[in-house]
């Protein structure tokens, strides 16, 4: 394979990692508190508030029901307002984060629901405040599960980033579209797909390993 092609794929790999890593961090900054709010405002929980819970659930469900390929187009004005452009890896981060936040919220909610209510009630009986229960009881109890959730989110973002290639989002998806699809360069298409597969396998393995190690520490 020519050196130019290697350089092209190398740059695309770095762009994909940049997009997905930054998007993962930003989506968890919003999605983690969102997931906590979804659980703690449920009926009978430490911050029970049915109207708030119903509104948050409705917003999350509505956001998750929009296919990502449509979401990317719908948020173009927001992307342009934030980044000043709609093309490139930095611009692609905006729809990636918007698309991932409700997904992260549900992943966190699912993890926190694994905590036995008896542990929460015991903490309440000892006089713990809602905030203390959140960061001293709920989150420590489900860290291995949260790591697995972050791993799944990372892999999902890789898939989303490949779709972002259709609107000039950069990364391996963009290379696959421009060279593999429009220019019929099958070899480049195969290389990009292979790299995406390797990337997903590595991330899943690392996530599983980290979750197992953290689980041993908890025990």
N, C-alpha and C. Protein backbone atom coordinates (compact mmCIF):
# COMPACT_ATOMS: atom_id res chain seq x y z
N UNK A 1 0.84 -1.20 0.00
CA UNK A 1 0.00 0.00 0.00
C UNK A 1 0.88 1.25 0.00
N UNK A 2 0.57 2.26 -0.84
CA UNK A 2 1.40 3.48 -0.89
C UNK A 2 1.46 4.19 0.46
N UNK A 3 2.59 4.91 0.64
CA UNK A 3 2.77 5.62 1.92
C UNK A 3 1.67 6.65 2.15
N UNK A 4 1.17 7.25 1.04
CA UNK A 4 0.12 8.26 1.19
C UNK A 4 -1.15 7.65 1.79
N UNK A 5 -1.42 6.40 1.39
CA UNK A 5 -2.63 5.73 1.89
C UNK A 5 -2.48 5.41 3.38
N UNK A 6 -1.27 4.94 3.75
CA UNK A 6 -1.02 4.67 5.16
C UNK A 6 -1.21 5.95 5.99
N UNK A 7 -0.67 7.05 5.48
CA UNK A 7 -0.78 8.33 6.20
C UNK A 7 -2.24 8.75 6.32
N UNK A 8 -2.99 8.54 5.24
CA UNK A 8 -4.42 8.89 5.24
C UNK A 8 -5.18 8.10 6.31
N UNK A 9 -4.92 6.80 6.36
CA UNK A 9 -5.62 5.95 7.33
C UNK A 9 -5.14 6.23 8.75
N UNK A 10 -3.86 6.52 8.89
CA UNK A 10 -3.32 6.87 10.21
C UNK A 10 -3.99 8.15 10.74
N UNK A 11 -4.08 9.16 9.88
CA UNK A 11 -4.73 10.40 10.31
C UNK A 11 -6.21 10.17 10.63
N UNK A 12 -6.85 9.33 9.82
CA UNK A 12 -8.27 9.03 10.07
C UNK A 12 -8.48 8.31 11.39
N UNK A 13 -7.54 7.42 11.74
CA UNK A 13 -7.64 6.71 13.02
C UNK A 13 -7.51 7.68 14.19
N UNK A 14 -6.54 8.60 14.09
CA UNK A 14 -6.37 9.59 15.16
C UNK A 14 -7.60 10.49 15.27
N UNK A 15 -8.16 10.87 14.14
CA UNK A 15 -9.37 11.72 14.18
C UNK A 15 -10.54 10.99 14.82
N UNK A 16 -10.69 9.71 14.50
CA UNK A 16 -11.78 8.92 15.10
C UNK A 16 -11.61 8.83 16.61
N UNK A 17 -10.38 8.56 17.06
CA UNK A 17 -10.13 8.47 18.51
C UNK A 17 -10.36 9.82 19.18
N UNK A 18 -9.97 10.90 18.53
CA UNK A 18 -10.18 12.26 19.07
C UNK A 18 -11.68 12.55 19.22
N UNK A 19 -12.44 12.30 18.16
CA UNK A 19 -13.88 12.57 18.19
C UNK A 19 -14.58 11.77 19.26
N UNK A 20 -14.31 10.47 19.31
CA UNK A 20 -15.05 9.60 20.23
C UNK A 20 -14.64 9.82 21.68
N UNK A 21 -13.34 10.06 21.92
CA UNK A 21 -12.89 10.27 23.30
C UNK A 21 -13.45 11.56 23.88
N UNK A 22 -13.34 12.64 23.14
CA UNK A 22 -13.88 13.93 23.62
C UNK A 22 -15.39 13.84 23.79
N UNK A 23 -16.06 13.20 22.84
CA UNK A 23 -17.53 13.06 22.93
C UNK A 23 -17.93 12.22 24.14
N UNK A 24 -17.17 11.17 24.42
CA UNK A 24 -17.47 10.32 25.59
C UNK A 24 -17.37 11.14 26.88
N UNK A 25 -16.30 11.93 27.00
CA UNK A 25 -16.11 12.73 28.22
C UNK A 25 -17.23 13.75 28.37
N UNK A 26 -17.52 14.48 27.30
CA UNK A 26 -18.55 15.52 27.38
C UNK A 26 -19.94 14.93 27.62
N UNK A 27 -20.23 13.81 26.99
CA UNK A 27 -21.57 13.21 27.17
C UNK A 27 -21.75 12.69 28.59
N UNK A 28 -20.66 12.24 29.23
CA UNK A 28 -20.78 11.78 30.62
C UNK A 28 -20.89 12.95 31.60
N UNK A 29 -20.34 14.10 31.24
CA UNK A 29 -20.48 15.27 32.12
C UNK A 29 -21.94 15.65 32.29
N UNK A 30 -22.74 15.40 31.26
CA UNK A 30 -24.18 15.70 31.33
C UNK A 30 -24.98 14.42 31.61
N UNK A 31 -24.61 13.33 30.98
CA UNK A 31 -25.38 12.09 31.10
C UNK A 31 -25.34 11.46 32.48
N UNK A 32 -24.21 11.58 33.19
CA UNK A 32 -24.11 11.00 34.53
C UNK A 32 -25.09 11.66 35.52
N UNK A 33 -25.07 13.01 35.61
CA UNK A 33 -26.08 13.65 36.48
C UNK A 33 -27.51 13.37 36.03
N UNK A 34 -27.70 13.27 34.72
CA UNK A 34 -29.04 12.97 34.19
C UNK A 34 -29.50 11.59 34.66
N UNK A 35 -28.63 10.60 34.57
CA UNK A 35 -28.98 9.25 35.02
C UNK A 35 -29.26 9.20 36.51
N UNK A 36 -28.45 9.93 37.28
CA UNK A 36 -28.66 9.99 38.74
C UNK A 36 -30.02 10.62 39.04
N UNK A 37 -30.35 11.70 38.31
CA UNK A 37 -31.64 12.37 38.52
C UNK A 37 -32.80 11.45 38.16
N UNK A 38 -32.64 10.66 37.10
CA UNK A 38 -33.71 9.74 36.69
C UNK A 38 -34.01 8.72 37.78
N UNK A 39 -32.98 8.26 38.47
CA UNK A 39 -33.17 7.24 39.51
C UNK A 39 -33.66 7.87 40.81
N UNK A 40 -33.00 8.92 41.25
CA UNK A 40 -33.31 9.46 42.58
C UNK A 40 -34.65 10.19 42.66
N UNK A 41 -35.20 10.60 41.50
CA UNK A 41 -36.51 11.26 41.53
C UNK A 41 -37.66 10.27 41.34
N UNK A 42 -37.32 8.97 41.23
CA UNK A 42 -38.37 7.96 41.12
C UNK A 42 -39.20 7.89 42.39
N UNK A 43 -40.37 7.31 42.25
CA UNK A 43 -41.26 7.13 43.41
C UNK A 43 -40.58 6.30 44.50
N UNK A 44 -40.55 6.83 45.70
CA UNK A 44 -39.99 6.11 46.84
C UNK A 44 -38.49 6.25 46.99
N UNK A 45 -37.84 7.02 46.10
CA UNK A 45 -36.38 7.18 46.21
C UNK A 45 -36.05 8.46 46.99
N UNK A 46 -34.76 8.72 47.13
CA UNK A 46 -34.33 9.77 48.08
C UNK A 46 -34.74 11.18 47.67
N UNK A 47 -34.97 11.43 46.40
CA UNK A 47 -35.39 12.77 45.95
C UNK A 47 -36.69 12.66 45.14
N UNK A 48 -37.59 11.84 45.61
CA UNK A 48 -38.83 11.56 44.85
C UNK A 48 -39.50 12.84 44.36
N UNK A 49 -39.72 12.88 43.06
CA UNK A 49 -40.40 14.03 42.44
C UNK A 49 -40.97 13.54 41.11
N UNK A 50 -42.22 13.12 41.14
CA UNK A 50 -42.82 12.49 39.97
C UNK A 50 -42.84 13.40 38.74
N UNK A 51 -43.25 14.69 38.86
CA UNK A 51 -43.27 15.53 37.66
C UNK A 51 -41.89 15.66 37.00
N UNK A 52 -40.86 15.87 37.84
CA UNK A 52 -39.51 15.99 37.28
C UNK A 52 -39.08 14.70 36.62
N UNK A 53 -39.38 13.59 37.26
CA UNK A 53 -39.00 12.29 36.71
C UNK A 53 -39.69 12.02 35.37
N UNK A 54 -40.98 12.38 35.30
CA UNK A 54 -41.72 12.13 34.06
C UNK A 54 -41.21 13.02 32.92
N UNK A 55 -40.89 14.28 33.24
CA UNK A 55 -40.37 15.19 32.21
C UNK A 55 -39.02 14.70 31.71
N UNK A 56 -38.13 14.33 32.63
CA UNK A 56 -36.80 13.84 32.23
C UNK A 56 -36.91 12.57 31.39
N UNK A 57 -37.78 11.66 31.81
CA UNK A 57 -37.96 10.40 31.06
C UNK A 57 -38.49 10.68 29.66
N UNK A 58 -39.45 11.61 29.57
CA UNK A 58 -40.02 11.93 28.26
C UNK A 58 -38.97 12.55 27.34
N UNK A 59 -38.15 13.45 27.89
CA UNK A 59 -37.11 14.10 27.08
C UNK A 59 -36.09 13.06 26.59
N UNK A 60 -35.68 12.18 27.50
CA UNK A 60 -34.70 11.15 27.14
C UNK A 60 -35.28 10.21 26.08
N UNK A 61 -36.52 9.79 26.27
CA UNK A 61 -37.15 8.89 25.29
C UNK A 61 -37.27 9.57 23.92
N UNK A 62 -37.67 10.85 23.93
CA UNK A 62 -37.82 11.57 22.66
C UNK A 62 -36.47 11.71 21.96
N UNK A 63 -35.44 12.04 22.73
CA UNK A 63 -34.10 12.22 22.13
C UNK A 63 -33.57 10.90 21.57
N UNK A 64 -33.85 9.81 22.28
CA UNK A 64 -33.33 8.50 21.83
C UNK A 64 -34.09 7.96 20.63
N UNK A 65 -35.29 8.49 20.40
CA UNK A 65 -36.09 7.97 19.28
C UNK A 65 -35.67 8.56 17.94
N UNK A 66 -34.83 9.60 17.95
CA UNK A 66 -34.40 10.22 16.70
C UNK A 66 -33.17 9.49 16.15
N UNK A 67 -33.25 8.93 14.95
CA UNK A 67 -32.08 8.26 14.36
C UNK A 67 -30.90 9.22 14.26
N UNK A 68 -29.69 8.70 14.51
CA UNK A 68 -28.53 9.59 14.56
C UNK A 68 -28.26 10.31 13.24
N UNK A 69 -28.52 9.62 12.13
CA UNK A 69 -28.25 10.24 10.82
C UNK A 69 -29.14 11.47 10.62
N UNK A 70 -30.38 11.43 11.17
CA UNK A 70 -31.28 12.59 11.09
C UNK A 70 -30.88 13.65 12.10
N UNK A 71 -30.48 13.20 13.29
CA UNK A 71 -30.06 14.13 14.33
C UNK A 71 -28.89 14.99 13.85
N UNK A 72 -27.94 14.37 13.14
CA UNK A 72 -26.77 15.11 12.66
C UNK A 72 -27.19 16.29 11.78
N UNK A 73 -28.19 16.07 10.95
CA UNK A 73 -28.66 17.13 10.05
C UNK A 73 -29.48 18.16 10.84
N UNK A 74 -30.31 17.68 11.76
CA UNK A 74 -31.20 18.57 12.51
C UNK A 74 -30.42 19.56 13.38
N UNK A 75 -29.27 19.15 13.90
CA UNK A 75 -28.53 20.03 14.82
C UNK A 75 -27.45 20.85 14.11
N UNK A 76 -27.50 20.88 12.78
CA UNK A 76 -26.49 21.65 12.04
C UNK A 76 -26.42 23.11 12.49
N UNK A 77 -27.56 23.79 12.70
CA UNK A 77 -27.47 25.18 13.19
C UNK A 77 -26.75 25.30 14.53
N UNK A 78 -27.01 24.33 15.43
CA UNK A 78 -26.33 24.34 16.74
C UNK A 78 -24.84 24.09 16.55
N UNK A 79 -24.51 23.14 15.68
CA UNK A 79 -23.10 22.85 15.42
C UNK A 79 -22.38 24.07 14.89
N UNK A 80 -23.02 24.77 13.93
CA UNK A 80 -22.39 25.96 13.36
C UNK A 80 -22.24 27.07 14.41
N UNK A 81 -23.26 27.20 15.28
CA UNK A 81 -23.20 28.25 16.32
C UNK A 81 -22.08 27.99 17.32
N UNK A 82 -21.82 26.72 17.62
CA UNK A 82 -20.80 26.38 18.63
C UNK A 82 -19.40 26.36 18.03
N UNK A 83 -19.25 25.73 16.88
CA UNK A 83 -17.90 25.53 16.32
C UNK A 83 -17.56 26.47 15.16
N UNK A 84 -18.59 27.14 14.60
CA UNK A 84 -18.35 28.04 13.48
C UNK A 84 -18.30 27.33 12.14
N UNK A 85 -18.48 26.00 12.14
CA UNK A 85 -18.46 25.22 10.90
C UNK A 85 -19.29 23.95 11.11
N UNK A 86 -19.60 23.28 10.02
CA UNK A 86 -20.34 22.02 10.14
C UNK A 86 -19.53 20.85 9.59
N UNK A 87 -18.30 21.15 9.18
CA UNK A 87 -17.44 20.11 8.60
C UNK A 87 -16.18 19.94 9.45
N UNK A 88 -15.75 18.69 9.61
CA UNK A 88 -14.52 18.42 10.35
C UNK A 88 -14.79 17.68 11.65
N UNK A 89 -13.73 17.22 12.25
CA UNK A 89 -13.86 16.38 13.44
C UNK A 89 -14.42 17.14 14.65
N UNK A 90 -13.98 18.39 14.83
CA UNK A 90 -14.49 19.16 15.98
C UNK A 90 -15.98 19.43 15.81
N UNK A 91 -16.41 19.75 14.59
CA UNK A 91 -17.84 19.98 14.34
C UNK A 91 -18.64 18.70 14.59
N UNK A 92 -18.08 17.56 14.27
CA UNK A 92 -18.80 16.29 14.44
C UNK A 92 -19.03 15.95 15.91
N UNK A 93 -18.21 16.54 16.80
CA UNK A 93 -18.35 16.24 18.23
C UNK A 93 -19.72 16.71 18.75
N UNK A 94 -20.22 17.82 18.21
CA UNK A 94 -21.49 18.38 18.70
C UNK A 94 -22.64 17.38 18.54
N UNK A 95 -22.94 16.88 17.33
CA UNK A 95 -24.03 15.88 17.24
C UNK A 95 -23.70 14.58 17.97
N UNK A 96 -22.43 14.22 18.04
CA UNK A 96 -22.07 13.00 18.77
C UNK A 96 -22.44 13.13 20.25
N UNK A 97 -22.13 14.28 20.84
CA UNK A 97 -22.44 14.49 22.26
C UNK A 97 -23.95 14.56 22.47
N UNK A 98 -24.64 15.31 21.61
CA UNK A 98 -26.11 15.44 21.75
C UNK A 98 -26.77 14.06 21.60
N UNK A 99 -26.27 13.26 20.70
CA UNK A 99 -26.85 11.93 20.50
C UNK A 99 -26.53 10.96 21.63
N UNK A 100 -25.38 11.17 22.28
CA UNK A 100 -24.94 10.21 23.31
C UNK A 100 -25.51 10.52 24.70
N UNK A 101 -25.84 11.78 24.98
CA UNK A 101 -26.28 12.16 26.33
C UNK A 101 -27.48 11.33 26.81
N UNK A 102 -28.58 11.23 26.04
CA UNK A 102 -29.71 10.42 26.53
C UNK A 102 -29.35 8.94 26.66
N UNK A 103 -28.48 8.46 25.78
CA UNK A 103 -28.02 7.07 25.86
C UNK A 103 -27.26 6.84 27.17
N UNK A 104 -26.35 7.77 27.49
CA UNK A 104 -25.58 7.67 28.74
C UNK A 104 -26.51 7.75 29.95
N UNK A 105 -27.49 8.67 29.88
CA UNK A 105 -28.44 8.80 30.98
C UNK A 105 -29.13 7.48 31.30
N UNK A 106 -29.58 6.78 30.27
CA UNK A 106 -30.26 5.49 30.49
C UNK A 106 -29.29 4.43 30.98
N UNK A 107 -28.03 4.46 30.48
CA UNK A 107 -27.04 3.48 30.93
C UNK A 107 -26.76 3.67 32.42
N UNK A 108 -26.59 4.93 32.83
CA UNK A 108 -26.33 5.22 34.25
C UNK A 108 -27.53 4.83 35.09
N UNK A 109 -28.72 5.17 34.61
CA UNK A 109 -29.94 4.82 35.33
C UNK A 109 -30.03 3.31 35.55
N UNK A 110 -29.77 2.55 34.51
CA UNK A 110 -29.83 1.08 34.61
C UNK A 110 -28.82 0.56 35.63
N UNK A 111 -27.62 1.14 35.63
CA UNK A 111 -26.60 0.70 36.60
C UNK A 111 -27.03 1.00 38.03
N UNK A 112 -27.52 2.21 38.26
CA UNK A 112 -27.89 2.62 39.63
C UNK A 112 -29.07 1.82 40.17
N UNK A 113 -29.91 1.33 39.27
CA UNK A 113 -31.06 0.54 39.73
C UNK A 113 -30.63 -0.83 40.25
N UNK A 114 -29.38 -1.19 40.03
CA UNK A 114 -28.88 -2.47 40.55
C UNK A 114 -28.63 -2.41 42.06
N UNK A 115 -28.54 -1.17 42.59
CA UNK A 115 -28.24 -1.03 44.03
C UNK A 115 -29.46 -1.44 44.86
N UNK A 116 -29.22 -2.28 45.83
CA UNK A 116 -30.29 -2.74 46.72
C UNK A 116 -30.88 -1.56 47.49
N UNK A 117 -32.20 -1.45 47.46
CA UNK A 117 -32.85 -0.36 48.19
C UNK A 117 -32.56 -0.43 49.70
N UNK A 118 -32.30 -1.64 50.19
CA UNK A 118 -32.02 -1.79 51.62
C UNK A 118 -30.76 -1.02 52.03
N UNK A 119 -29.77 -0.97 51.13
CA UNK A 119 -28.54 -0.23 51.43
C UNK A 119 -28.84 1.27 51.53
N UNK A 120 -29.67 1.75 50.62
CA UNK A 120 -30.05 3.17 50.64
C UNK A 120 -30.83 3.50 51.91
N UNK A 121 -31.76 2.62 52.25
CA UNK A 121 -32.57 2.86 53.45
C UNK A 121 -31.70 2.83 54.72
N UNK A 122 -30.69 1.96 54.72
CA UNK A 122 -29.78 1.91 55.87
C UNK A 122 -29.00 3.21 56.00
N UNK A 123 -28.56 3.74 54.84
CA UNK A 123 -27.83 5.01 54.86
C UNK A 123 -28.73 6.14 55.34
N UNK A 124 -29.99 6.13 54.91
CA UNK A 124 -30.94 7.15 55.37
C UNK A 124 -31.15 7.05 56.88
N UNK A 125 -31.25 5.82 57.37
CA UNK A 125 -31.47 5.61 58.81
C UNK A 125 -30.30 6.13 59.64
N UNK A 126 -29.10 6.13 59.02
CA UNK A 126 -27.91 6.63 59.74
C UNK A 126 -27.75 8.13 59.61
N UNK A 127 -28.71 8.78 58.93
CA UNK A 127 -28.70 10.24 58.84
C UNK A 127 -27.96 10.81 57.65
N UNK A 128 -27.66 9.97 56.65
CA UNK A 128 -26.95 10.47 55.47
C UNK A 128 -27.87 11.37 54.64
N UNK A 129 -27.29 12.41 54.08
CA UNK A 129 -28.06 13.31 53.22
C UNK A 129 -28.17 12.69 51.83
N UNK A 130 -29.13 13.18 51.00
CA UNK A 130 -29.24 12.65 49.64
C UNK A 130 -27.93 12.73 48.86
N UNK A 131 -27.21 13.84 48.98
CA UNK A 131 -25.94 13.99 48.28
C UNK A 131 -24.92 12.96 48.75
N UNK A 132 -24.87 12.72 50.07
CA UNK A 132 -23.94 11.71 50.61
C UNK A 132 -24.30 10.31 50.13
N UNK A 133 -25.59 10.04 50.03
CA UNK A 133 -26.02 8.71 49.54
C UNK A 133 -25.60 8.54 48.08
N UNK A 134 -25.69 9.62 47.29
CA UNK A 134 -25.34 9.53 45.87
C UNK A 134 -23.86 9.22 45.68
N UNK A 135 -22.99 10.02 46.33
CA UNK A 135 -21.57 9.85 46.03
C UNK A 135 -20.84 8.89 46.97
N UNK A 136 -21.47 8.51 48.10
CA UNK A 136 -20.81 7.56 48.99
C UNK A 136 -21.43 6.16 48.95
N UNK A 137 -22.66 6.07 48.43
CA UNK A 137 -23.33 4.76 48.41
C UNK A 137 -23.64 4.31 46.98
N UNK A 138 -24.43 5.11 46.27
CA UNK A 138 -24.90 4.68 44.95
C UNK A 138 -23.76 4.51 43.95
N UNK A 139 -22.98 5.56 43.75
CA UNK A 139 -21.93 5.50 42.71
C UNK A 139 -20.86 4.45 43.04
N UNK A 140 -20.30 4.43 44.28
CA UNK A 140 -19.30 3.38 44.56
C UNK A 140 -19.82 1.96 44.37
N UNK A 141 -21.10 1.74 44.62
CA UNK A 141 -21.66 0.39 44.49
C UNK A 141 -21.70 -0.09 43.05
N UNK A 142 -21.77 0.84 42.10
CA UNK A 142 -21.98 0.42 40.70
C UNK A 142 -20.83 0.83 39.77
N UNK A 143 -19.68 1.14 40.32
CA UNK A 143 -18.56 1.57 39.46
C UNK A 143 -18.22 0.54 38.37
N UNK A 144 -18.12 -0.77 38.70
CA UNK A 144 -17.86 -1.74 37.61
C UNK A 144 -18.91 -1.69 36.51
N UNK A 145 -20.16 -1.55 36.90
CA UNK A 145 -21.24 -1.47 35.91
C UNK A 145 -21.14 -0.18 35.10
N UNK A 146 -20.76 0.93 35.76
CA UNK A 146 -20.60 2.20 35.05
C UNK A 146 -19.47 2.11 34.03
N UNK A 147 -18.40 1.39 34.38
CA UNK A 147 -17.28 1.21 33.44
C UNK A 147 -17.74 0.44 32.21
N UNK A 148 -18.52 -0.61 32.44
CA UNK A 148 -19.05 -1.38 31.29
C UNK A 148 -19.97 -0.50 30.44
N UNK A 149 -20.76 0.35 31.11
CA UNK A 149 -21.64 1.25 30.38
C UNK A 149 -20.85 2.24 29.54
N UNK A 150 -19.74 2.75 30.11
CA UNK A 150 -18.89 3.68 29.36
C UNK A 150 -18.25 2.98 28.17
N UNK A 151 -17.92 1.70 28.34
CA UNK A 151 -17.34 0.93 27.24
C UNK A 151 -18.35 0.79 26.09
N UNK A 152 -19.58 0.46 26.44
CA UNK A 152 -20.63 0.33 25.42
C UNK A 152 -20.86 1.67 24.73
N UNK A 153 -20.85 2.75 25.52
CA UNK A 153 -21.06 4.08 24.94
C UNK A 153 -19.92 4.44 23.98
N UNK A 154 -18.69 4.11 24.37
CA UNK A 154 -17.53 4.39 23.52
C UNK A 154 -17.67 3.68 22.17
N UNK A 155 -18.06 2.42 22.23
CA UNK A 155 -18.23 1.64 21.00
C UNK A 155 -19.38 2.20 20.16
N UNK A 156 -20.44 2.62 20.83
CA UNK A 156 -21.56 3.24 20.10
C UNK A 156 -21.11 4.52 19.41
N UNK A 157 -20.28 5.30 20.10
CA UNK A 157 -19.78 6.55 19.51
C UNK A 157 -18.90 6.29 18.29
N UNK A 158 -18.16 5.19 18.32
CA UNK A 158 -17.35 4.84 17.14
C UNK A 158 -18.27 4.60 15.94
N UNK A 159 -19.38 3.89 16.20
CA UNK A 159 -20.35 3.68 15.13
C UNK A 159 -20.97 4.97 14.64
N UNK A 160 -21.31 5.86 15.58
CA UNK A 160 -21.87 7.17 15.22
C UNK A 160 -20.84 7.99 14.41
N UNK A 161 -19.56 7.93 14.83
CA UNK A 161 -18.53 8.72 14.15
C UNK A 161 -18.37 8.27 12.70
N UNK A 162 -18.56 6.96 12.47
CA UNK A 162 -18.48 6.46 11.09
C UNK A 162 -19.62 7.05 10.26
N UNK A 163 -20.81 7.17 10.88
CA UNK A 163 -21.94 7.79 10.16
C UNK A 163 -21.69 9.27 9.91
N UNK A 164 -20.99 9.92 10.84
CA UNK A 164 -20.69 11.34 10.67
C UNK A 164 -19.85 11.60 9.43
N UNK A 165 -19.17 10.55 8.95
CA UNK A 165 -18.38 10.68 7.72
C UNK A 165 -19.21 11.08 6.52
N UNK A 166 -20.50 10.77 6.54
CA UNK A 166 -21.37 11.11 5.41
C UNK A 166 -21.59 12.62 5.28
N UNK A 167 -21.39 13.36 6.36
CA UNK A 167 -21.55 14.82 6.27
C UNK A 167 -20.20 15.51 6.51
N UNK A 168 -19.12 14.81 6.17
CA UNK A 168 -17.79 15.42 6.27
C UNK A 168 -17.26 15.52 7.67
N UNK A 169 -17.62 14.55 8.51
CA UNK A 169 -17.22 14.61 9.91
C UNK A 169 -15.78 14.20 10.17
N UNK A 170 -15.08 13.74 9.15
CA UNK A 170 -13.69 13.32 9.35
C UNK A 170 -13.61 11.92 9.94
N UNK A 171 -12.38 11.43 10.16
CA UNK A 171 -12.19 10.12 10.73
C UNK A 171 -12.27 9.01 9.70
N UNK A 172 -12.26 7.77 10.20
CA UNK A 172 -12.27 6.60 9.31
C UNK A 172 -13.56 6.51 8.50
N UNK A 173 -14.67 6.93 9.09
CA UNK A 173 -15.93 6.90 8.35
C UNK A 173 -15.89 7.80 7.14
N UNK A 174 -15.32 8.97 7.30
CA UNK A 174 -15.19 9.92 6.20
C UNK A 174 -14.31 9.35 5.09
N UNK A 175 -13.21 8.69 5.47
CA UNK A 175 -12.31 8.07 4.48
C UNK A 175 -13.03 6.95 3.73
N UNK A 176 -13.78 6.14 4.48
CA UNK A 176 -14.51 5.04 3.85
C UNK A 176 -15.52 5.56 2.83
N UNK A 177 -16.19 6.66 3.18
CA UNK A 177 -17.19 7.23 2.27
C UNK A 177 -16.52 7.84 1.05
N UNK A 178 -15.51 8.68 1.27
CA UNK A 178 -14.89 9.43 0.16
C UNK A 178 -14.11 8.53 -0.79
N UNK A 179 -13.36 7.59 -0.22
CA UNK A 179 -12.50 6.75 -1.07
C UNK A 179 -13.15 5.40 -1.40
N UNK A 180 -13.75 4.77 -0.39
CA UNK A 180 -14.32 3.45 -0.62
C UNK A 180 -15.62 3.49 -1.39
N UNK A 181 -16.46 4.51 -1.10
CA UNK A 181 -17.79 4.57 -1.73
C UNK A 181 -17.79 5.39 -3.02
N UNK A 182 -17.32 6.64 -2.93
CA UNK A 182 -17.39 7.52 -4.10
C UNK A 182 -16.32 7.22 -5.15
N UNK A 183 -15.13 6.74 -4.72
CA UNK A 183 -14.04 6.51 -5.68
C UNK A 183 -13.79 5.01 -5.94
N UNK A 184 -14.61 4.17 -5.38
CA UNK A 184 -14.53 2.71 -5.61
C UNK A 184 -13.17 2.12 -5.25
N UNK A 185 -12.53 2.65 -4.25
CA UNK A 185 -11.25 2.08 -3.79
C UNK A 185 -11.55 1.06 -2.68
N UNK A 186 -11.81 -0.16 -3.12
CA UNK A 186 -12.24 -1.21 -2.20
C UNK A 186 -11.20 -1.51 -1.13
N UNK A 187 -9.91 -1.44 -1.50
CA UNK A 187 -8.87 -1.76 -0.52
C UNK A 187 -8.92 -0.80 0.67
N UNK A 188 -9.14 0.49 0.39
CA UNK A 188 -9.22 1.46 1.49
C UNK A 188 -10.45 1.20 2.35
N UNK A 189 -11.55 0.85 1.71
CA UNK A 189 -12.76 0.51 2.46
C UNK A 189 -12.50 -0.66 3.40
N UNK A 190 -11.81 -1.69 2.90
CA UNK A 190 -11.52 -2.88 3.72
C UNK A 190 -10.62 -2.51 4.90
N UNK A 191 -9.59 -1.69 4.63
CA UNK A 191 -8.69 -1.29 5.71
C UNK A 191 -9.43 -0.52 6.81
N UNK A 192 -10.29 0.40 6.40
CA UNK A 192 -11.00 1.21 7.40
C UNK A 192 -11.96 0.35 8.23
N UNK A 193 -12.66 -0.56 7.57
CA UNK A 193 -13.58 -1.45 8.30
C UNK A 193 -12.79 -2.34 9.26
N UNK A 194 -11.65 -2.86 8.80
CA UNK A 194 -10.81 -3.71 9.65
C UNK A 194 -10.33 -2.92 10.88
N UNK A 195 -9.89 -1.69 10.67
CA UNK A 195 -9.42 -0.88 11.79
C UNK A 195 -10.53 -0.59 12.79
N UNK A 196 -11.73 -0.33 12.29
CA UNK A 196 -12.86 -0.08 13.19
C UNK A 196 -13.17 -1.33 14.02
N UNK A 197 -13.08 -2.50 13.38
CA UNK A 197 -13.32 -3.75 14.10
C UNK A 197 -12.27 -3.96 15.19
N UNK A 198 -11.02 -3.71 14.85
CA UNK A 198 -9.94 -3.87 15.84
C UNK A 198 -10.13 -2.90 17.00
N UNK A 199 -10.49 -1.67 16.67
CA UNK A 199 -10.70 -0.63 17.69
C UNK A 199 -11.79 -1.06 18.67
N UNK A 200 -12.90 -1.56 18.13
CA UNK A 200 -14.02 -1.99 18.98
C UNK A 200 -13.60 -3.16 19.87
N UNK A 201 -12.88 -4.13 19.29
CA UNK A 201 -12.44 -5.29 20.08
C UNK A 201 -11.53 -4.87 21.23
N UNK A 202 -10.59 -3.97 20.94
CA UNK A 202 -9.66 -3.51 21.97
C UNK A 202 -10.38 -2.76 23.09
N UNK A 203 -11.28 -1.88 22.72
CA UNK A 203 -12.00 -1.10 23.73
C UNK A 203 -12.87 -2.01 24.60
N UNK A 204 -13.55 -2.96 23.97
CA UNK A 204 -14.39 -3.89 24.75
C UNK A 204 -13.53 -4.71 25.71
N UNK A 205 -12.38 -5.19 25.24
CA UNK A 205 -11.50 -5.99 26.10
C UNK A 205 -10.98 -5.17 27.27
N UNK A 206 -10.56 -3.93 26.99
CA UNK A 206 -10.07 -3.06 28.06
C UNK A 206 -11.17 -2.75 29.07
N UNK A 207 -12.38 -2.51 28.56
CA UNK A 207 -13.51 -2.21 29.45
C UNK A 207 -13.83 -3.40 30.34
N UNK A 208 -13.86 -4.59 29.76
CA UNK A 208 -14.13 -5.80 30.55
C UNK A 208 -13.05 -6.01 31.62
N UNK A 209 -11.79 -5.80 31.22
CA UNK A 209 -10.68 -5.98 32.17
C UNK A 209 -10.79 -4.98 33.33
N UNK A 210 -11.03 -3.71 33.00
CA UNK A 210 -11.14 -2.68 34.05
C UNK A 210 -12.31 -2.96 34.97
N UNK A 211 -13.42 -3.39 34.41
CA UNK A 211 -14.60 -3.69 35.23
C UNK A 211 -14.32 -4.84 36.19
N UNK A 212 -13.63 -5.88 35.69
CA UNK A 212 -13.31 -7.02 36.56
C UNK A 212 -12.39 -6.61 37.70
N UNK A 213 -11.38 -5.80 37.38
CA UNK A 213 -10.44 -5.35 38.42
C UNK A 213 -11.14 -4.50 39.47
N UNK A 214 -12.00 -3.60 39.04
CA UNK A 214 -12.70 -2.74 39.98
C UNK A 214 -13.68 -3.54 40.83
N UNK A 215 -14.26 -4.57 40.24
CA UNK A 215 -15.19 -5.41 40.98
C UNK A 215 -14.49 -6.14 42.12
N UNK A 216 -13.26 -6.56 41.89
CA UNK A 216 -12.49 -7.23 42.94
C UNK A 216 -12.19 -6.26 44.09
N UNK A 217 -11.93 -5.00 43.73
CA UNK A 217 -11.63 -4.02 44.77
C UNK A 217 -12.85 -3.79 45.65
N UNK A 218 -14.01 -3.74 45.03
CA UNK A 218 -15.24 -3.52 45.80
C UNK A 218 -15.46 -4.65 46.78
N UNK A 219 -15.20 -5.89 46.29
CA UNK A 219 -15.39 -7.04 47.16
C UNK A 219 -14.29 -7.12 48.21
